[in-house]
Amino acid sequence: MTNTVPPNQTELCVADPALDGDAGFNHRRTRRPSLLARRYAVELRQDVAWHKQAVVLAVSVAIGLAVCVAILMAAGVPAGDLFDEFVVATLGDADNFRAVLFQAAPTVMVGLAAALSFRARFWNLGLEGQMVWGAIGATAIALAGAGTPGTRLWLMGAAALSCGALWTVLPLVLRLRFGISEIISTLMLNYVAANLLLNLVYGQWKDPRDSFPHSRNFLAEERLPDIVNGYSCAILLAVLLSVAAWWFLHRSRAGIYVRFVNVNARAAQAMGIPVRNVVAGVVLLSGALAGFAGFTVTAGQAGRLTQDFYSGYGFSGILIAFLARNNPIAASVVALLIAVLFVTGRSLQVLYQIPFSMVQLIQAILVIVVAASDFFTRYRLSPVGTTE
């Protein structure tokens, strides 16, 4: 009889002392492979409970924060001061808390813009360019004195929405018509928008009073008003937009279409869903939100168009979308935490001479660990080729 060895098992020949003799008979037996010798296959998880996803995400963020704390300590920030700076001084002080909410408003809008486009499988990395165009559109209305004083702010907001959406048209056409990756086109258009902004603030829109590269100050009727005690209405707008985005994705028919496209665009197309129209509509909406965020910064925080008002927002939007898993409500919470990081980073710059690039490094680390955690929530390692 032929002696066979099951596949994918290691064959080992040993001499049995009881049988080893003049007959020279060797007894052959098999041994199961060690853990390191096994082969594994990557399998897609069919369904993962939300609490398991939350645990994986929390562990990954905790690891990322631990790395960030180590970096800050190595940069000269005492460990005992980190809690005071990030929690006590930032959230416990009324002025700093107001600054956090003020910073969170445009950050929420950029995060929502990223989350919406990512839901439609359109990787919109041109958020900063869309912000720039939204701010340019709003500033053009202000400098031209269009409309009446009572309607000018509304016209500025409408111009920001329109210009931000229009800046996504070219990447949309390149993707849907010619199959060109939107990652490249949207990213490159950021540089086009940034250089156009520099041309304006160093050229015809330069403030004639001080000749610095920014526009003139907006008039009172061209700025976002406060709700109460210095809290800008931009905060309320961010909350309303978050609720509207959640309703759009989870309650509207268009949102159901977006969810189908997110899971499997080809299957959605076969079911009769207009995939191209869905993607185009969501991406235009994403660009409009990013443009409105630019309007919020210029008409709310800065009070005029500056040369670098958009810096860091695009990267923050991508981080927010990753951390929030493209959920609008979760994106608002994450944006608030990012705003805490921004405000605290400015304090660290002053008190400990920490460069702002350190804050951006922390964001990059969080993006990496969250992206890595996504592997464990979507896939698992399963041993193959083993038998009992």
Foldseek 3Di string as FASTA:
>chain_A
DDDDDFPQFDWDWDADVVPPDPVNDTDTDGDGDDPVSFDKDKDFDPDDDPVVLVVLLVVLLVVLVVVLLVVVVVLPDDSVCPCCLLPCVQCVDPVNVLLLLLQLLLLLLLLLLQLLLVLLVARQLQLLLLLLQLLVQLQVLQVVVPDDLQCSQVSSLVSLLQRLLVLCVVLLCCCPPVNDRSVVVSVVSNVVSLVVLQCCQQPDQPDPPPNDSWHDFGDPSNAFDAPPDSRGCSSVVSVVVLVVSQCCLPPDPLNVLSNVSSVPVVVSVVVVRPSSVSSSVSNSNSSSSSSSSSSSCCRYPVRTGHSCSSPPSSLSSVLLCLSQVSRSVSSSVVSSSLSSLVSSLVVCCVPVVDDVVSSVVSSVSSSVSSVVSVSVSGIDMDTPSDDD
